[in-house]
N, C-alpha and C. Protein backbone atom coordinates (compact mmCIF):
# COMPACT_ATOMS: atom_id res chain seq x y z
N MET A 1 -224.70 -88.77 1.66
CA MET A 1 -225.21 -87.36 1.42
C MET A 1 -224.22 -86.88 0.32
N LYS A 2 -223.85 -86.77 -0.75
CA LYS A 2 -222.75 -85.83 -1.90
C LYS A 2 -223.23 -84.94 -2.43
N ILE A 3 -221.89 -83.51 -1.99
CA ILE A 3 -221.95 -82.77 -2.77
C ILE A 3 -220.88 -82.47 -3.20
N GLU A 4 -221.17 -81.28 -4.74
CA GLU A 4 -219.79 -81.28 -5.60
C GLU A 4 -220.21 -79.54 -5.90
N GLY A 5 -218.81 -79.31 -6.09
CA GLY A 5 -219.08 -77.57 -6.92
C GLY A 5 -217.61 -77.21 -6.81
N LYS A 6 -218.09 -76.12 -8.13
CA LYS A 6 -215.97 -75.54 -8.05
C LYS A 6 -216.37 -74.15 -6.60
N SER A 7 -215.11 -74.20 -6.32
CA SER A 7 -215.25 -72.94 -4.94
C SER A 7 -214.78 -71.77 -5.08
N ILE A 8 -215.35 -70.78 -4.87
CA ILE A 8 -215.34 -69.61 -4.88
C ILE A 8 -214.73 -68.63 -3.44
N LYS A 9 -213.70 -68.89 -3.66
CA LYS A 9 -213.21 -67.92 -2.49
C LYS A 9 -213.06 -66.92 -1.49
N LEU A 10 -213.42 -67.04 -0.97
CA LEU A 10 -213.23 -65.55 0.37
C LEU A 10 -212.42 -65.48 1.32
N GLY A 11 -212.29 -64.53 2.18
CA GLY A 11 -211.52 -64.47 3.50
C GLY A 11 -211.68 -64.66 4.72
N ASP A 12 -211.24 -63.85 5.88
CA ASP A 12 -212.32 -63.81 7.35
C ASP A 12 -213.82 -63.19 7.58
N ASN A 13 -213.75 -63.08 8.54
CA ASN A 13 -214.76 -62.17 9.04
C ASN A 13 -216.01 -61.57 7.93
N ILE A 14 -216.59 -62.72 7.00
CA ILE A 14 -217.32 -62.71 6.19
C ILE A 14 -219.01 -62.15 7.43
N ASN A 15 -219.40 -61.01 7.10
CA ASN A 15 -220.63 -60.77 7.78
C ASN A 15 -221.89 -60.90 7.34
N THR A 16 -222.97 -60.94 7.91
CA THR A 16 -224.30 -60.80 7.07
C THR A 16 -224.19 -59.85 6.19
N ASP A 17 -224.07 -58.64 6.69
CA ASP A 17 -224.15 -57.36 5.66
C ASP A 17 -223.07 -57.66 4.84
N PHE A 18 -222.39 -58.01 4.61
CA PHE A 18 -221.49 -58.60 3.53
C PHE A 18 -222.34 -59.63 2.63
N ILE A 19 -222.33 -60.67 2.77
CA ILE A 19 -223.76 -61.64 2.55
C ILE A 19 -224.76 -61.06 1.77
N ILE A 20 -225.69 -60.32 2.31
CA ILE A 20 -226.72 -59.70 1.49
C ILE A 20 -226.79 -58.26 2.63
N SER A 21 -226.55 -57.46 1.39
CA SER A 21 -226.40 -55.49 2.35
C SER A 21 -227.70 -55.38 3.03
N GLY A 22 -227.25 -54.82 4.07
CA GLY A 22 -228.68 -54.24 5.33
C GLY A 22 -229.95 -53.55 4.13
N ARG A 23 -229.62 -52.74 2.99
CA ARG A 23 -229.65 -51.89 2.87
C ARG A 23 -231.15 -52.61 1.54
N TYR A 24 -231.12 -53.74 1.72
CA TYR A 24 -232.36 -54.51 0.74
C TYR A 24 -233.34 -54.97 1.76
N LYS A 25 -232.63 -55.00 2.97
CA LYS A 25 -233.66 -55.67 4.04
C LYS A 25 -235.12 -55.99 3.86
N PHE A 26 -235.55 -54.55 3.46
CA PHE A 26 -237.39 -54.42 3.39
C PHE A 26 -237.65 -53.64 1.83
N ALA A 27 -236.24 -53.71 1.00
CA ALA A 27 -236.83 -53.15 -0.44
C ALA A 27 -236.93 -54.56 -1.34
N ILE A 28 -236.58 -55.42 -1.04
CA ILE A 28 -236.82 -56.59 -1.69
C ILE A 28 -237.02 -58.09 -1.03
N THR A 29 -238.10 -58.23 -1.44
CA THR A 29 -238.41 -59.84 -0.26
C THR A 29 -238.07 -60.92 -1.34
N ASP A 30 -238.15 -61.13 -2.37
CA ASP A 30 -238.43 -62.28 -3.05
C ASP A 30 -236.72 -62.56 -3.40
N ILE A 31 -236.48 -64.02 -2.26
CA ILE A 31 -235.23 -64.38 -2.43
C ILE A 31 -234.47 -64.27 -3.99
N LYS A 32 -234.76 -65.20 -4.89
CA LYS A 32 -234.29 -65.10 -6.05
C LYS A 32 -233.81 -63.60 -6.37
N GLU A 33 -235.09 -62.38 -6.38
CA GLU A 33 -234.68 -61.74 -6.97
C GLU A 33 -233.42 -60.88 -5.97
N LEU A 34 -232.89 -61.09 -4.31
CA LEU A 34 -232.29 -60.45 -3.56
C LEU A 34 -230.80 -61.28 -4.16
N SER A 35 -230.94 -62.42 -3.90
CA SER A 35 -229.67 -63.06 -4.73
C SER A 35 -228.70 -62.67 -5.90
N LYS A 36 -229.61 -61.98 -6.10
CA LYS A 36 -228.89 -61.06 -7.45
C LYS A 36 -227.55 -60.39 -6.98
N HIS A 37 -228.27 -59.83 -5.52
CA HIS A 37 -227.04 -58.87 -5.14
C HIS A 37 -225.75 -59.05 -3.99
N ILE A 38 -225.86 -60.86 -3.69
CA ILE A 38 -224.98 -61.03 -3.23
C ILE A 38 -223.49 -60.72 -3.09
N MET A 39 -222.89 -60.98 -1.97
CA MET A 39 -221.81 -60.15 -1.73
C MET A 39 -221.48 -58.92 -2.44
N GLU A 40 -222.52 -58.32 -3.19
CA GLU A 40 -221.97 -56.95 -4.01
C GLU A 40 -221.08 -56.19 -3.46
N ASP A 41 -221.19 -55.87 -2.07
CA ASP A 41 -220.73 -54.86 -1.28
C ASP A 41 -218.72 -55.38 -0.88
N ILE A 42 -218.66 -56.56 -1.15
CA ILE A 42 -217.28 -56.64 -1.02
C ILE A 42 -216.72 -57.66 -2.29
N ASP A 43 -217.63 -57.78 -3.15
CA ASP A 43 -217.14 -58.29 -4.28
C ASP A 43 -218.12 -57.89 -5.40
N PRO A 44 -218.18 -57.08 -6.26
CA PRO A 44 -219.23 -56.74 -7.46
C PRO A 44 -219.12 -57.51 -8.24
N GLU A 45 -218.61 -58.88 -8.68
CA GLU A 45 -218.36 -59.54 -9.70
C GLU A 45 -219.04 -60.93 -9.21
N PHE A 46 -218.80 -61.29 -7.51
CA PHE A 46 -219.29 -62.59 -6.87
C PHE A 46 -220.45 -63.08 -8.12
N PRO A 47 -221.90 -62.14 -8.33
CA PRO A 47 -222.99 -63.23 -8.67
C PRO A 47 -222.50 -63.86 -9.95
N SER A 48 -221.47 -63.14 -10.92
CA SER A 48 -220.65 -63.80 -11.63
C SER A 48 -220.08 -64.96 -11.89
N LYS A 49 -219.41 -65.12 -10.85
CA LYS A 49 -218.84 -66.49 -10.41
C LYS A 49 -219.81 -68.13 -9.97
N ILE A 50 -220.61 -67.48 -9.66
CA ILE A 50 -222.35 -68.61 -9.34
C ILE A 50 -222.23 -69.25 -11.05
N ASN A 51 -221.89 -70.62 -10.53
CA ASN A 51 -222.61 -71.37 -11.52
C ASN A 51 -223.76 -72.59 -10.62
N PRO A 52 -224.64 -72.14 -10.64
CA PRO A 52 -225.90 -72.53 -10.01
C PRO A 52 -225.95 -73.97 -9.74
N GLY A 53 -226.01 -74.23 -8.76
CA GLY A 53 -226.40 -76.03 -7.79
C GLY A 53 -225.03 -76.59 -8.56
N ASN A 54 -223.26 -75.80 -9.00
CA ASN A 54 -222.83 -76.50 -8.63
C ASN A 54 -221.27 -75.59 -8.16
N SER A 55 -221.80 -74.33 -7.06
CA SER A 55 -220.74 -74.29 -6.75
C SER A 55 -220.62 -73.93 -4.85
N ILE A 56 -219.71 -73.92 -4.48
CA ILE A 56 -219.44 -73.78 -3.20
C ILE A 56 -218.57 -72.71 -2.70
N ILE A 57 -219.41 -71.89 -1.57
CA ILE A 57 -218.76 -70.96 -0.96
C ILE A 57 -217.20 -71.52 -0.15
N VAL A 58 -215.68 -71.21 -0.28
CA VAL A 58 -214.58 -71.78 0.71
C VAL A 58 -214.49 -70.23 1.15
N ALA A 59 -213.99 -70.02 2.59
CA ALA A 59 -214.18 -69.17 3.43
C ALA A 59 -213.18 -69.45 4.43
N GLY A 60 -212.24 -68.14 5.09
CA GLY A 60 -211.55 -68.23 6.05
C GLY A 60 -212.47 -68.62 7.63
N ASN A 61 -212.06 -67.40 8.78
CA ASN A 61 -212.80 -67.82 10.21
C ASN A 61 -214.21 -66.74 9.88
N ASN A 62 -214.77 -66.97 10.90
CA ASN A 62 -216.39 -66.45 11.44
C ASN A 62 -217.15 -65.73 10.24
N PHE A 63 -217.44 -66.84 9.52
CA PHE A 63 -218.26 -67.02 8.27
C PHE A 63 -219.60 -66.77 8.90
N GLY A 64 -220.06 -65.36 8.25
CA GLY A 64 -221.72 -65.48 8.74
C GLY A 64 -221.94 -64.86 9.73
N MET A 65 -221.05 -64.00 10.63
CA MET A 65 -221.01 -63.29 11.87
C MET A 65 -222.37 -62.40 11.67
N GLY A 66 -222.74 -61.54 12.88
CA GLY A 66 -223.24 -59.83 12.53
C GLY A 66 -225.02 -60.74 12.41
N SER A 67 -225.90 -59.98 12.31
CA SER A 67 -227.35 -59.60 12.48
C SER A 67 -227.76 -61.57 12.55
N SER A 68 -228.97 -61.43 12.74
CA SER A 68 -229.32 -63.18 12.48
C SER A 68 -230.15 -63.27 11.67
N ARG A 69 -230.93 -62.38 10.95
CA ARG A 69 -231.44 -62.29 9.74
C ARG A 69 -231.29 -63.85 8.64
N GLU A 70 -232.28 -64.78 8.94
CA GLU A 70 -232.52 -65.87 7.54
C GLU A 70 -232.48 -64.89 6.53
N GLN A 71 -231.90 -64.18 6.31
CA GLN A 71 -232.14 -63.44 4.61
C GLN A 71 -230.34 -64.02 3.96
N ALA A 72 -229.45 -63.83 5.02
CA ALA A 72 -228.46 -64.67 4.61
C ALA A 72 -227.98 -65.96 3.97
N PRO A 73 -228.53 -66.39 4.79
CA PRO A 73 -228.40 -68.48 4.44
C PRO A 73 -229.78 -68.25 3.41
N LEU A 74 -230.28 -67.65 3.09
CA LEU A 74 -231.93 -68.29 2.08
C LEU A 74 -231.11 -67.28 0.97
N VAL A 75 -230.29 -66.06 1.09
CA VAL A 75 -229.58 -66.01 -0.40
C VAL A 75 -228.55 -66.44 -0.95
N ILE A 76 -227.92 -67.47 -0.23
CA ILE A 76 -226.68 -68.10 -0.81
C ILE A 76 -227.64 -69.44 -0.65
N ARG A 77 -228.11 -69.74 -0.20
CA ARG A 77 -229.42 -70.91 -1.21
C ARG A 77 -230.09 -70.72 -2.47
N GLY A 78 -230.41 -69.46 -2.39
CA GLY A 78 -231.46 -68.81 -3.23
C GLY A 78 -230.26 -68.64 -4.57
N ALA A 79 -228.83 -68.02 -4.39
CA ALA A 79 -228.07 -68.17 -5.38
C ALA A 79 -227.51 -69.16 -6.05
N GLY A 80 -227.96 -70.64 -5.87
CA GLY A 80 -227.36 -71.99 -6.11
C GLY A 80 -226.11 -72.14 -5.85
N ILE A 81 -225.80 -71.42 -4.61
CA ILE A 81 -224.84 -72.58 -4.21
C ILE A 81 -224.81 -73.80 -3.42
N ASN A 82 -224.52 -74.52 -3.17
CA ASN A 82 -224.60 -76.07 -2.91
C ASN A 82 -223.46 -76.02 -1.11
N ALA A 83 -223.48 -75.15 -1.13
CA ALA A 83 -222.57 -75.50 0.87
C ALA A 83 -221.47 -74.47 0.72
N VAL A 84 -221.26 -73.97 2.43
CA VAL A 84 -220.41 -72.94 3.09
C VAL A 84 -219.29 -73.93 3.37
N LEU A 85 -218.18 -73.38 3.01
CA LEU A 85 -216.71 -74.13 4.05
C LEU A 85 -216.33 -73.01 4.57
N SER A 86 -215.88 -73.35 5.69
CA SER A 86 -215.07 -72.44 6.28
C SER A 86 -214.74 -72.96 7.90
N LYS A 87 -213.79 -71.97 8.29
CA LYS A 87 -212.50 -72.21 9.63
C LYS A 87 -214.04 -72.72 10.96
N LYS A 88 -214.03 -71.49 10.53
CA LYS A 88 -215.22 -71.63 11.83
C LYS A 88 -217.00 -70.56 10.87
N PHE A 89 -217.81 -70.94 11.28
CA PHE A 89 -218.97 -70.67 11.44
C PHE A 89 -219.49 -69.20 12.61
N ALA A 90 -220.57 -68.26 12.51
CA ALA A 90 -221.27 -67.82 13.64
C ALA A 90 -222.07 -68.47 13.79
N ARG A 91 -222.76 -68.95 14.96
CA ARG A 91 -223.43 -69.67 15.39
C ARG A 91 -225.03 -69.52 15.11
N ILE A 92 -225.42 -68.60 15.21
CA ILE A 92 -226.63 -67.89 14.76
C ILE A 92 -226.80 -68.64 13.34
N PHE A 93 -225.41 -68.14 12.60
CA PHE A 93 -225.57 -68.54 11.28
C PHE A 93 -225.36 -69.56 11.01
N TYR A 94 -224.94 -70.54 11.51
CA TYR A 94 -224.90 -72.33 11.43
C TYR A 94 -226.68 -72.95 11.97
N ARG A 95 -227.22 -72.21 12.64
CA ARG A 95 -228.59 -73.21 12.50
C ARG A 95 -230.14 -72.43 11.86
N ASN A 96 -229.49 -71.26 11.32
CA ASN A 96 -230.20 -70.41 10.36
C ASN A 96 -230.37 -71.53 9.04
N SER A 97 -228.95 -71.58 9.23
CA SER A 97 -228.69 -72.30 7.42
C SER A 97 -228.93 -73.66 7.45
N PHE A 98 -228.93 -74.71 8.10
CA PHE A 98 -229.40 -75.98 8.69
C PHE A 98 -231.09 -75.63 8.48
N ASN A 99 -231.67 -75.01 9.29
CA ASN A 99 -233.01 -74.42 9.14
C ASN A 99 -233.54 -74.52 7.95
N ILE A 100 -232.95 -73.91 7.00
CA ILE A 100 -232.95 -73.48 5.60
C ILE A 100 -232.61 -74.89 4.45
N GLY A 101 -232.08 -75.75 4.91
CA GLY A 101 -231.29 -76.21 4.51
C GLY A 101 -230.03 -76.16 3.52
N LEU A 102 -229.26 -75.28 3.86
CA LEU A 102 -227.95 -75.19 3.16
C LEU A 102 -226.66 -75.82 4.61
N ALA A 103 -226.27 -76.26 3.40
CA ALA A 103 -225.02 -77.26 4.23
C ALA A 103 -223.81 -76.38 4.59
N LEU A 104 -223.30 -76.59 6.27
CA LEU A 104 -222.01 -75.59 6.11
C LEU A 104 -220.99 -77.15 7.20
N ILE A 105 -220.02 -76.83 6.66
CA ILE A 105 -218.97 -77.99 6.64
C ILE A 105 -217.83 -76.72 7.40
N GLU A 106 -217.45 -77.30 8.72
CA GLU A 106 -216.29 -77.05 9.06
C GLU A 106 -215.10 -77.53 9.36
N THR A 107 -214.12 -76.76 8.42
CA THR A 107 -213.18 -77.46 7.63
C THR A 107 -211.69 -76.14 7.35
N ASP A 108 -210.55 -76.89 7.80
CA ASP A 108 -209.29 -75.82 7.55
C ASP A 108 -209.27 -75.33 6.21
N THR A 109 -209.67 -74.41 5.25
CA THR A 109 -209.72 -73.45 4.06
C THR A 109 -208.53 -73.23 3.67
N ASP A 110 -207.37 -73.49 4.11
CA ASP A 110 -205.99 -72.85 3.72
C ASP A 110 -205.75 -73.39 2.51
N LYS A 111 -205.93 -74.54 1.62
CA LYS A 111 -205.08 -74.87 0.44
C LYS A 111 -206.35 -75.39 -0.39
N ILE A 112 -207.84 -74.39 -0.20
CA ILE A 112 -208.57 -74.30 -1.02
C ILE A 112 -208.16 -73.41 -1.51
N ASP A 113 -207.88 -73.82 -3.17
CA ASP A 113 -207.86 -72.42 -4.36
C ASP A 113 -209.03 -71.93 -4.77
N GLU A 114 -209.15 -71.04 -4.90
CA GLU A 114 -210.60 -70.27 -6.31
C GLU A 114 -210.37 -71.11 -7.14
N GLY A 115 -212.26 -71.70 -7.40
CA GLY A 115 -211.82 -72.48 -8.97
C GLY A 115 -211.32 -74.21 -8.57
N ASP A 116 -210.80 -74.64 -7.00
CA ASP A 116 -210.80 -75.66 -7.36
C ASP A 116 -212.18 -76.57 -7.29
N MET A 117 -212.06 -77.65 -7.81
CA MET A 117 -213.50 -78.47 -7.53
C MET A 117 -213.56 -79.88 -6.86
N LEU A 118 -214.89 -79.44 -5.72
CA LEU A 118 -215.10 -80.45 -4.33
C LEU A 118 -215.53 -81.12 -4.64
N HIS A 119 -215.30 -81.96 -4.19
CA HIS A 119 -216.51 -83.20 -3.70
C HIS A 119 -216.40 -83.28 -2.15
N ILE A 120 -217.54 -83.06 -1.81
CA ILE A 120 -218.08 -83.69 -0.22
C ILE A 120 -219.23 -84.97 -0.08
N ASP A 121 -218.56 -86.13 0.51
CA ASP A 121 -219.31 -86.95 1.22
C ASP A 121 -219.05 -86.53 2.64
N MET A 122 -220.41 -86.25 3.02
CA MET A 122 -221.27 -85.89 4.32
C MET A 122 -221.22 -87.72 5.41
N ASP A 123 -221.59 -88.49 4.61
CA ASP A 123 -221.49 -89.53 5.22
C ASP A 123 -220.13 -90.26 6.11
N LYS A 124 -219.12 -89.76 5.14
CA LYS A 124 -217.44 -90.69 5.61
C LYS A 124 -217.03 -89.19 6.36
N GLY A 125 -217.34 -87.89 6.19
CA GLY A 125 -216.61 -86.82 6.35
C GLY A 125 -215.56 -86.93 6.07
N VAL A 126 -215.56 -86.61 4.81
CA VAL A 126 -214.64 -86.12 3.66
C VAL A 126 -215.05 -85.01 2.36
N VAL A 127 -213.78 -83.98 2.43
CA VAL A 127 -214.01 -83.55 1.13
C VAL A 127 -212.52 -83.02 0.59
N LYS A 128 -213.46 -83.59 -0.67
CA LYS A 128 -211.90 -84.49 -1.29
C LYS A 128 -211.72 -83.04 -2.69
N ASN A 129 -210.80 -82.68 -2.47
CA ASN A 129 -210.08 -81.37 -3.84
C ASN A 129 -209.48 -82.22 -5.20
N ILE A 130 -211.04 -82.39 -5.83
CA ILE A 130 -210.88 -83.04 -7.23
C ILE A 130 -209.45 -82.10 -7.98
N THR A 131 -209.25 -80.80 -7.99
CA THR A 131 -207.83 -80.24 -8.60
C THR A 131 -207.06 -81.15 -8.60
N LYS A 132 -206.93 -80.81 -6.94
CA LYS A 132 -205.36 -81.10 -6.11
C LYS A 132 -204.98 -82.46 -5.89
N ASN A 133 -206.08 -83.15 -6.11
CA ASN A 133 -205.96 -84.42 -5.53
C ASN A 133 -205.71 -84.77 -3.86
N THR A 134 -206.15 -83.81 -3.22
CA THR A 134 -206.25 -83.97 -1.98
C THR A 134 -207.55 -83.88 -1.02
N GLU A 135 -207.19 -84.88 0.03
CA GLU A 135 -208.47 -84.91 1.21
C GLU A 135 -208.59 -84.13 2.51
N LEU A 136 -209.70 -83.85 2.61
CA LEU A 136 -209.63 -82.94 4.57
C LEU A 136 -210.56 -83.97 5.06
N LYS A 137 -210.00 -84.40 6.12
CA LYS A 137 -211.15 -84.36 7.16
C LYS A 137 -211.95 -84.09 7.79
N VAL A 138 -213.42 -83.81 7.62
CA VAL A 138 -214.55 -83.17 8.44
C VAL A 138 -215.24 -84.27 9.80
N ASN A 139 -215.88 -83.96 10.35
CA ASN A 139 -217.09 -84.62 11.24
C ASN A 139 -218.27 -85.01 10.06
N ALA A 140 -217.98 -86.66 10.15
CA ALA A 140 -219.31 -86.90 9.57
C ALA A 140 -220.52 -86.23 9.97
N PHE A 141 -221.66 -86.07 9.30
CA PHE A 141 -222.75 -85.26 9.79
C PHE A 141 -224.02 -86.68 9.69
N PRO A 142 -224.87 -86.58 10.97
CA PRO A 142 -225.43 -87.35 11.68
C PRO A 142 -226.84 -87.48 10.67
N LYS A 143 -227.29 -88.87 10.66
CA LYS A 143 -228.58 -88.92 9.46
C LYS A 143 -228.97 -87.77 9.71
N PHE A 144 -230.09 -87.71 10.59
CA PHE A 144 -231.05 -86.80 11.20
C PHE A 144 -230.55 -85.22 10.25
N MET A 145 -229.55 -84.40 10.61
CA MET A 145 -229.22 -83.28 10.08
C MET A 145 -228.95 -83.69 8.24
N GLN A 146 -228.15 -84.60 7.67
CA GLN A 146 -228.73 -84.99 6.30
C GLN A 146 -229.74 -85.28 5.69
N GLU A 147 -231.10 -85.48 6.48
CA GLU A 147 -232.63 -85.37 5.86
C GLU A 147 -232.96 -84.14 6.24
N LEU A 148 -232.42 -83.33 7.19
CA LEU A 148 -233.30 -82.47 6.96
C LEU A 148 -232.55 -81.01 5.97
N LEU A 149 -230.92 -81.51 5.48
CA LEU A 149 -230.84 -80.90 4.73
C LEU A 149 -231.19 -81.33 3.00
N ARG A 150 -231.34 -82.58 3.13
CA ARG A 150 -231.79 -83.56 1.38
C ARG A 150 -233.32 -82.65 1.58
N GLU A 151 -234.12 -81.95 2.78
CA GLU A 151 -235.79 -81.70 2.10
C GLU A 151 -235.65 -80.09 2.44
N GLY A 152 -234.56 -79.61 2.74
CA GLY A 152 -234.96 -78.32 2.42
C GLY A 152 -235.24 -78.17 3.75
N GLY A 153 -234.47 -78.18 4.58
CA GLY A 153 -234.72 -77.56 6.12
C GLY A 153 -235.71 -78.41 6.68
N ILE A 154 -235.82 -77.64 8.59
CA ILE A 154 -236.38 -78.47 8.85
C ILE A 154 -238.11 -78.03 9.13
N VAL A 155 -238.29 -77.16 8.52
CA VAL A 155 -239.74 -76.32 7.90
C VAL A 155 -240.29 -77.63 7.15
N SER A 156 -239.66 -77.54 5.96
CA SER A 156 -239.86 -78.00 4.44
C SER A 156 -239.93 -79.79 5.30
N TYR A 157 -239.09 -80.04 5.78
CA TYR A 157 -238.81 -81.92 6.21
C TYR A 157 -240.25 -81.96 6.97
N TYR A 158 -240.47 -80.88 8.29
CA TYR A 158 -241.97 -81.40 8.62
C TYR A 158 -242.77 -80.78 8.29
N LYS A 159 -243.48 -80.14 7.09
CA LYS A 159 -244.33 -80.88 6.35
C LYS A 159 -244.95 -81.08 6.18
N LYS A 160 -243.38 -82.05 4.93
CA LYS A 160 -243.48 -83.31 4.33
C LYS A 160 -244.14 -84.67 5.12
N HIS A 161 -243.27 -84.23 6.25
CA HIS A 161 -243.44 -85.87 7.38
C HIS A 161 -244.32 -86.17 8.52
N GLY A 162 -245.12 -84.77 9.10
CA GLY A 162 -245.38 -84.22 10.19
C GLY A 162 -244.98 -84.66 11.29
N LYS A 163 -243.87 -84.41 11.12
CA LYS A 163 -242.85 -84.49 12.37
C LYS A 163 -241.44 -84.54 12.27
N LEU A 164 -240.41 -84.25 13.42
CA LEU A 164 -238.98 -84.24 13.00
C LEU A 164 -238.40 -85.25 13.01
N PRO A 165 -236.91 -85.19 12.44
CA PRO A 165 -236.85 -86.61 11.93
C PRO A 165 -236.32 -87.17 13.44
N GLU A 166 -235.93 -88.51 13.64
CA GLU A 166 -235.42 -89.04 14.39
C GLU A 166 -234.27 -88.83 15.02
N VAL A 167 -233.12 -88.64 16.31
CA VAL A 167 -232.51 -88.23 16.34
C VAL A 167 -231.50 -89.11 16.71
């Protein structure tokens, strides 16, 4: 599985309330509408940086810490972001993301800058920075995780196949 996109750079400690403010928790239920408010408390211009289907968030440590609300990864995916790279993810955020089909990659993000074009090869475990002509080695994704991501998450996979993928 391969993912490409232009990087949108964030710092450390991006919590779920930064991803989508808790004030919208019950006010907006449509994910596409909710996605218009992504990261607005830390960067009001963030939605304008997204090129749906061609954007990758690149963050520092502790991405997704805080609330276990599934809205945070749903909003990222709903905004058209292909993947998130971070040095470290909060465990519940990591699990929620894969459950809904959002790819997360743990790697050293220090040498990736805003606007760098990235190519991720999940089979080989490589993140190639096309802009800088550099590569980062990451853990290759097991086939069953790639299947879940391709199908849009665990629920979508189960609905389509009537079973979970082989581990």
